[in-house]
Amino acid sequence: MLAGELYLADDPEIAADALRSALLNERFNATSAGDPEARRAALAELLGELGEGAEIRPPLRVDYGHQITVGPRTFVNFGAVFLDVARITIGADVQMGPNVQLLTPTHPIDPEPRRAKWEAAQPITIGDNVWLGGGAIVCPGVSIGENTVVGAGAVVTKDLPANVVAVGNPARVIRKIGEAEGETGTDPTTP
């Protein structure tokens, strides 16, 4: 599983790890907004790494937690789903709107191995200072370059370079950051 190869999720070691995560996830989601220290402690125990000043608002859902690294000063709004069958690396100063999904699991296209419950995963990397709009979905194996903005509801199926704005399903780059909208003819609202 950790190598990104096909595996069966009913392995006892994987099941124990998932139970540990579920209990920690449950504890984090039940913390009081009036007790930020307890909330941060639960989150730090759940995740692999939690940078200084990072904030994640519950509810949060993860598969294992320990494969998630969150950089300093990152903010994740309500309802995030981070399926960390493979590593998820989130840079510094990242902003995520509500209901963002980072999905590393993959399944075979062929029906027989899928029916046999084989699965795999590919890592996700979110660069520094990225902004993911509400409801954005990042698919397995995707990297998003620093400073990039992904529009609300976008589905990111392939890597995005640094310093661009991407929108849609599948997400596509509509302009570079720093260019005025319409300047390059890529703004879909201008002729």
C-alpha atoms as a PDB file:
ATOM      1  CA  MET A   1       0.000   0.000   0.000  1.00  0.00           C
ATOM      2  CA  LEU A   2       2.727   2.470   1.002  1.00  0.00           C
ATOM      3  CA  ALA A   3       4.614   1.748  -2.226  1.00  0.00           C
ATOM      4  CA  GLY A   4       1.544   2.563  -4.333  1.00  0.00           C
ATOM      5  CA  GLU A   5       1.101  -1.050  -5.416  1.00  0.00           C
ATOM      6  CA  LEU A   6      -2.121  -3.052  -5.422  1.00  0.00           C
ATOM      7  CA  TYR A   7      -3.163  -4.312  -1.988  1.00  0.00           C
ATOM      8  CA  LEU A   8      -6.181  -5.713  -0.159  1.00  0.00           C
ATOM      9  CA  ALA A   9      -7.584  -3.370   2.481  1.00  0.00           C
ATOM     10  CA  ASP A  10      -8.787  -6.188   4.745  1.00  0.00           C
ATOM     11  CA  ASP A  11      -5.229  -6.868   5.961  1.00  0.00           C
ATOM     12  CA  PRO A  12      -5.284  -6.980   9.817  1.00  0.00           C
ATOM     13  CA  GLU A  13      -2.473  -4.416  10.151  1.00  0.00           C
ATOM     14  CA  ILE A  14      -4.273  -1.993   7.826  1.00  0.00           C
ATOM     15  CA  ALA A  15      -7.557  -2.574   9.685  1.00  0.00           C
ATOM     16  CA  ALA A  16      -5.879  -1.791  13.027  1.00  0.00           C
ATOM     17  CA  ASP A  17      -4.399   1.389  11.575  1.00  0.00           C
ATOM     18  CA  ALA A  18      -7.803   2.418  10.207  1.00  0.00           C
ATOM     19  CA  LEU A  19      -9.439   1.826  13.603  1.00  0.00           C
ATOM     20  CA  ARG A  20      -6.787   3.945  15.344  1.00  0.00           C
ATOM     21  CA  SER A  21      -7.443   6.711  12.825  1.00  0.00           C
ATOM     22  CA  ALA A  22     -11.230   6.457  13.164  1.00  0.00           C
ATOM     23  CA  LEU A  23     -11.028   6.832  16.937  1.00  0.00           C
ATOM     24  CA  LEU A  24      -8.663   9.821  16.719  1.00  0.00           C
ATOM     25  CA  ASN A  25     -10.783  11.356  13.960  1.00  0.00           C
ATOM     26  CA  GLU A  26     -13.877  10.933  16.122  1.00  0.00           C
ATOM     27  CA  ARG A  27     -12.106  12.585  19.067  1.00  0.00           C
ATOM     28  CA  PHE A  28     -10.974  15.545  16.949  1.00  0.00           C
ATOM     29  CA  ASN A  29     -14.441  16.070  15.464  1.00  0.00           C
ATOM     30  CA  ALA A  30     -15.987  16.031  18.965  1.00  0.00           C
ATOM     31  CA  THR A  31     -13.669  18.699  20.407  1.00  0.00           C
ATOM     32  CA  SER A  32     -15.185  21.945  21.600  1.00  0.00           C
ATOM     33  CA  ALA A  33     -14.573  25.181  19.736  1.00  0.00           C
ATOM     34  CA  GLY A  34     -14.035  26.621  23.220  1.00  0.00           C
ATOM     35  CA  ASP A  35     -11.007  24.366  23.809  1.00  0.00           C
ATOM     36  CA  PRO A  36      -8.540  25.084  20.978  1.00  0.00           C
ATOM     37  CA  GLU A  37      -5.678  23.377  22.839  1.00  0.00           C
ATOM     38  CA  ALA A  38      -7.547  20.050  23.021  1.00  0.00           C
ATOM     39  CA  ARG A  39      -8.592  20.414  19.379  1.00  0.00           C
ATOM     40  CA  ARG A  40      -5.005  20.995  18.251  1.00  0.00           C
ATOM     41  CA  ALA A  41      -3.681  18.138  20.431  1.00  0.00           C
ATOM     42  CA  ALA A  42      -6.186  15.684  18.902  1.00  0.00           C
ATOM     43  CA  LEU A  43      -5.328  16.870  15.399  1.00  0.00           C
ATOM     44  CA  ALA A  44      -1.577  16.639  16.031  1.00  0.00           C
ATOM     45  CA  GLU A  45      -2.015  13.053  17.232  1.00  0.00           C
ATOM     46  CA  LEU A  46      -4.131  12.167  14.195  1.00  0.00           C
ATOM     47  CA  LEU A  47      -1.893  13.679  11.489  1.00  0.00           C
ATOM     48  CA  GLY A  48       1.667  12.846  10.502  1.00  0.00           C
ATOM     49  CA  GLU A  49       2.730  16.481  10.812  1.00  0.00           C
ATOM     50  CA  LEU A  50       0.865  19.663  11.734  1.00  0.00           C
ATOM     51  CA  GLY A  51       2.694  22.937  11.110  1.00  0.00           C
ATOM     52  CA  GLU A  52       2.698  25.825  13.533  1.00  0.00           C
ATOM     53  CA  GLY A  53      -0.379  28.009  13.254  1.00  0.00           C
ATOM     54  CA  ALA A  54      -2.197  25.543  10.981  1.00  0.00           C
ATOM     55  CA  GLU A  55      -5.935  25.255  11.552  1.00  0.00           C
ATOM     56  CA  ILE A  56      -8.384  22.592  10.408  1.00  0.00           C
ATOM     57  CA  ARG A  57     -12.035  23.030  11.300  1.00  0.00           C
ATOM     58  CA  PRO A  58     -14.070  19.931  12.063  1.00  0.00           C
ATOM     59  CA  PRO A  59     -15.595  17.866  10.725  1.00  0.00           C
ATOM     60  CA  LEU A  60     -12.609  16.254   9.049  1.00  0.00           C
ATOM     61  CA  ARG A  61     -12.524  12.761   7.559  1.00  0.00           C
ATOM     62  CA  VAL A  62      -9.309  10.823   6.875  1.00  0.00           C
ATOM     63  CA  ASP A  63      -8.377   7.206   6.147  1.00  0.00           C
ATOM     64  CA  TYR A  64      -5.238   6.914   8.296  1.00  0.00           C
ATOM     65  CA  GLY A  65      -4.115  10.447   9.156  1.00  0.00           C
ATOM     66  CA  HIS A  66      -0.440   9.650   9.670  1.00  0.00           C
ATOM     67  CA  GLN A  67       0.225  10.018   5.926  1.00  0.00           C
ATOM     68  CA  ILE A  68      -0.900  13.675   5.968  1.00  0.00           C
ATOM     69  CA  THR A  69       1.538  16.563   6.358  1.00  0.00           C
ATOM     70  CA  VAL A  70       0.085  20.052   6.832  1.00  0.00           C
ATOM     71  CA  GLY A  71       2.405  23.051   6.547  1.00  0.00           C
ATOM     72  CA  PRO A  72       2.479  26.067   8.841  1.00  0.00           C
ATOM     73  CA  ARG A  73      -0.290  28.674   8.722  1.00  0.00           C
ATOM     74  CA  THR A  74      -2.491  26.495   6.516  1.00  0.00           C
ATOM     75  CA  PHE A  75      -6.259  26.863   6.936  1.00  0.00           C
ATOM     76  CA  VAL A  76      -8.750  24.102   6.084  1.00  0.00           C
ATOM     77  CA  ASN A  77     -12.441  24.932   6.380  1.00  0.00           C
ATOM     78  CA  PHE A  78     -15.300  22.637   7.459  1.00  0.00           C
ATOM     79  CA  GLY A  79     -15.983  19.265   5.887  1.00  0.00           C
ATOM     80  CA  ALA A  80     -12.605  18.306   4.412  1.00  0.00           C
ATOM     81  CA  VAL A  81     -12.094  14.713   3.263  1.00  0.00           C
ATOM     82  CA  PHE A  82      -8.437  13.645   3.012  1.00  0.00           C
ATOM     83  CA  LEU A  83      -8.217   9.994   1.926  1.00  0.00           C
ATOM     84  CA  ASP A  84      -4.569   9.319   2.702  1.00  0.00           C
ATOM     85  CA  VAL A  85      -4.013   5.783   1.461  1.00  0.00           C
ATOM     86  CA  ALA A  86      -0.919   7.406  -0.115  1.00  0.00           C
ATOM     87  CA  ARG A  87       0.926  10.442   1.236  1.00  0.00           C
ATOM     88  CA  ILE A  88      -0.812  13.824   1.168  1.00  0.00           C
ATOM     89  CA  THR A  89       1.562  16.774   1.454  1.00  0.00           C
ATOM     90  CA  ILE A  90       0.014  20.199   2.017  1.00  0.00           C
ATOM     91  CA  GLY A  91       2.400  23.166   1.932  1.00  0.00           C
ATOM     92  CA  ALA A  92       2.603  26.339   4.016  1.00  0.00           C
ATOM     93  CA  ASP A  93      -0.035  29.081   3.882  1.00  0.00           C
ATOM     94  CA  VAL A  94      -2.527  26.945   1.940  1.00  0.00           C
ATOM     95  CA  GLN A  95      -6.202  27.963   2.046  1.00  0.00           C
ATOM     96  CA  MET A  96      -8.963  25.391   1.525  1.00  0.00           C
ATOM     97  CA  GLY A  97     -12.662  26.204   1.324  1.00  0.00           C
ATOM     98  CA  PRO A  98     -15.357  23.989   2.802  1.00  0.00           C
ATOM     99  CA  ASN A  99     -15.860  20.424   1.568  1.00  0.00           C
ATOM    100  CA  VAL A 100     -12.522  20.082  -0.235  1.00  0.00           C
ATOM    101  CA  GLN A 101     -11.578  16.484  -1.079  1.00  0.00           C
ATOM    102  CA  LEU A 102      -8.034  15.148  -1.521  1.00  0.00           C
ATOM    103  CA  LEU A 103      -8.451  11.587  -2.822  1.00  0.00           C
ATOM    104  CA  THR A 104      -5.398   9.323  -3.175  1.00  0.00           C
ATOM    105  CA  PRO A 105      -7.102   5.884  -3.612  1.00  0.00           C
ATOM    106  CA  THR A 106      -7.382   4.237  -7.010  1.00  0.00           C
ATOM    107  CA  HIS A 107      -9.102   1.066  -8.129  1.00  0.00           C
ATOM    108  CA  PRO A 108      -8.500  -1.213 -11.128  1.00  0.00           C
ATOM    109  CA  ILE A 109     -10.399  -0.369 -14.293  1.00  0.00           C
ATOM    110  CA  ASP A 110     -10.782  -4.080 -15.090  1.00  0.00           C
ATOM    111  CA  PRO A 111     -13.830  -5.464 -13.285  1.00  0.00           C
ATOM    112  CA  GLU A 112     -12.357  -8.749 -11.985  1.00  0.00           C
ATOM    113  CA  PRO A 113      -9.543  -7.316  -9.815  1.00  0.00           C
ATOM    114  CA  ARG A 114     -11.916  -4.574  -8.660  1.00  0.00           C
ATOM    115  CA  ARG A 115     -14.482  -7.208  -7.662  1.00  0.00           C
ATOM    116  CA  ALA A 116     -11.694  -9.005  -5.782  1.00  0.00           C
ATOM    117  CA  LYS A 117     -11.233  -5.751  -3.764  1.00  0.00           C
ATOM    118  CA  TRP A 118      -7.760  -4.855  -5.016  1.00  0.00           C
ATOM    119  CA  GLU A 119      -6.898  -1.166  -4.698  1.00  0.00           C
ATOM    120  CA  ALA A 120      -3.904   1.161  -4.779  1.00  0.00           C
ATOM    121  CA  ALA A 121      -3.147   4.854  -4.291  1.00  0.00           C
ATOM    122  CA  GLN A 122      -1.077   7.728  -5.656  1.00  0.00           C
ATOM    123  CA  PRO A 123       0.220  10.665  -3.575  1.00  0.00           C
ATOM    124  CA  ILE A 124      -1.100  14.225  -3.710  1.00  0.00           C
ATOM    125  CA  THR A 125       1.073  17.319  -3.252  1.00  0.00           C
ATOM    126  CA  ILE A 126      -0.335  20.805  -2.674  1.00  0.00           C
ATOM    127  CA  GLY A 127       2.321  23.547  -2.969  1.00  0.00           C
ATOM    128  CA  ASP A 128       2.792  26.571  -0.718  1.00  0.00           C
ATOM    129  CA  ASN A 129       0.205  29.351  -0.822  1.00  0.00           C
ATOM    130  CA  VAL A 130      -2.317  27.387  -2.912  1.00  0.00           C
ATOM    131  CA  TRP A 131      -6.007  28.285  -2.603  1.00  0.00           C
ATOM    132  CA  LEU A 132      -8.533  25.494  -3.212  1.00  0.00           C
ATOM    133  CA  GLY A 133     -12.081  26.858  -3.501  1.00  0.00           C
ATOM    134  CA  GLY A 134     -15.017  25.226  -1.754  1.00  0.00           C
ATOM    135  CA  GLY A 135     -15.906  21.774  -3.000  1.00  0.00           C
ATOM    136  CA  ALA A 136     -12.737  21.343  -5.066  1.00  0.00           C
ATOM    137  CA  ILE A 137     -11.681  17.732  -5.629  1.00  0.00           C
ATOM    138  CA  VAL A 138      -8.057  16.713  -6.179  1.00  0.00           C
ATOM    139  CA  CYS A 139      -7.627  13.264  -7.748  1.00  0.00           C
ATOM    140  CA  PRO A 140      -4.909  10.634  -7.125  1.00  0.00           C
ATOM    141  CA  GLY A 141      -1.359  11.437  -8.204  1.00  0.00           C
ATOM    142  CA  VAL A 142      -1.937  15.185  -8.682  1.00  0.00           C
ATOM    143  CA  SER A 143       0.536  17.934  -7.746  1.00  0.00           C
ATOM    144  CA  ILE A 144      -0.507  21.580  -7.591  1.00  0.00           C
ATOM    145  CA  GLY A 145       2.238  24.208  -7.883  1.00  0.00           C
ATOM    146  CA  GLU A 146       2.739  27.067  -5.451  1.00  0.00           C
ATOM    147  CA  ASN A 147       0.451  30.111  -5.507  1.00  0.00           C
ATOM    148  CA  THR A 148      -2.079  28.380  -7.768  1.00  0.00           C
ATOM    149  CA  VAL A 149      -5.792  29.083  -7.300  1.00  0.00           C
ATOM    150  CA  VAL A 150      -8.326  26.336  -7.995  1.00  0.00           C
ATOM    151  CA  GLY A 151     -11.931  27.491  -8.419  1.00  0.00           C
ATOM    152  CA  ALA A 152     -14.828  26.275  -6.328  1.00  0.00           C
ATOM    153  CA  GLY A 153     -16.156  22.907  -7.468  1.00  0.00           C
ATOM    154  CA  ALA A 154     -13.207  22.197  -9.782  1.00  0.00           C
ATOM    155  CA  VAL A 155     -12.081  18.596 -10.280  1.00  0.00           C
ATOM    156  CA  VAL A 156      -8.300  18.469 -10.620  1.00  0.00           C
ATOM    157  CA  THR A 157      -7.396  15.344 -12.611  1.00  0.00           C
ATOM    158  CA  LYS A 158      -3.840  16.264 -13.662  1.00  0.00           C
ATOM    159  CA  ASP A 159      -0.936  18.343 -12.346  1.00  0.00           C
ATOM    160  CA  LEU A 160      -1.297  22.125 -12.286  1.00  0.00           C
ATOM    161  CA  PRO A 161       1.761  24.391 -12.595  1.00  0.00           C
ATOM    162  CA  ALA A 162       2.642  27.168 -10.176  1.00  0.00           C
ATOM    163  CA  ASN A 163       1.054  30.619 -10.418  1.00  0.00           C
ATOM    164  CA  VAL A 164      -2.096  29.857 -12.405  1.00  0.00           C
ATOM    165  CA  VAL A 165      -5.866  29.984 -11.977  1.00  0.00           C
ATOM    166  CA  ALA A 166      -7.694  26.743 -12.863  1.00  0.00           C
ATOM    167  CA  VAL A 167     -11.431  26.074 -12.960  1.00  0.00           C
ATOM    168  CA  GLY A 168     -13.918  23.502 -14.187  1.00  0.00           C
ATOM    169  CA  ASN A 169     -14.411  19.773 -14.503  1.00  0.00           C
ATOM    170  CA  PRO A 170     -11.867  18.678 -15.404  1.00  0.00           C
ATOM    171  CA  ALA A 171      -9.923  21.663 -14.114  1.00  0.00           C
ATOM    172  CA  ARG A 172      -8.163  23.669 -16.808  1.00  0.00           C
ATOM    173  CA  VAL A 173      -5.859  26.647 -16.569  1.00  0.00           C
ATOM    174  CA  ILE A 174      -7.622  29.855 -17.611  1.00  0.00           C
ATOM    175  CA  ARG A 175      -4.812  32.304 -16.910  1.00  0.00           C
ATOM    176  CA  LYS A 176      -1.516  32.936 -15.192  1.00  0.00           C
ATOM    177  CA  ILE A 177      -1.579  34.817 -11.919  1.00  0.00           C
ATOM    178  CA  GLY A 178      -0.556  38.422 -12.491  1.00  0.00           C
ATOM    179  CA  GLU A 179      -2.228  38.689 -15.883  1.00  0.00           C
ATOM    180  CA  ALA A 180      -5.410  40.725 -15.988  1.00  0.00           C
ATOM    181  CA  GLU A 181      -8.522  38.711 -16.759  1.00  0.00           C
ATOM    182  CA  GLY A 182      -9.190  38.764 -20.470  1.00  0.00           C
ATOM    183  CA  GLU A 183      -5.663  40.017 -21.248  1.00  0.00           C
ATOM    184  CA  THR A 184      -4.628  36.695 -22.747  1.00  0.00           C
ATOM    185  CA  GLY A 185      -7.984  35.837 -24.248  1.00  0.00           C
ATOM    186  CA  THR A 186      -8.362  32.938 -21.811  1.00  0.00           C
ATOM    187  CA  ASP A 187     -11.114  34.524 -19.711  1.00  0.00           C
ATOM    188  CA  PRO A 188     -14.246  32.614 -20.736  1.00  0.00           C
ATOM    189  CA  THR A 189     -16.438  35.671 -20.059  1.00  0.00           C
ATOM    190  CA  THR A 190     -14.817  37.880 -22.710  1.00  0.00           C
ATOM    191  CA  PRO A 191     -15.100  37.552 -26.495  1.00  0.00           C
END
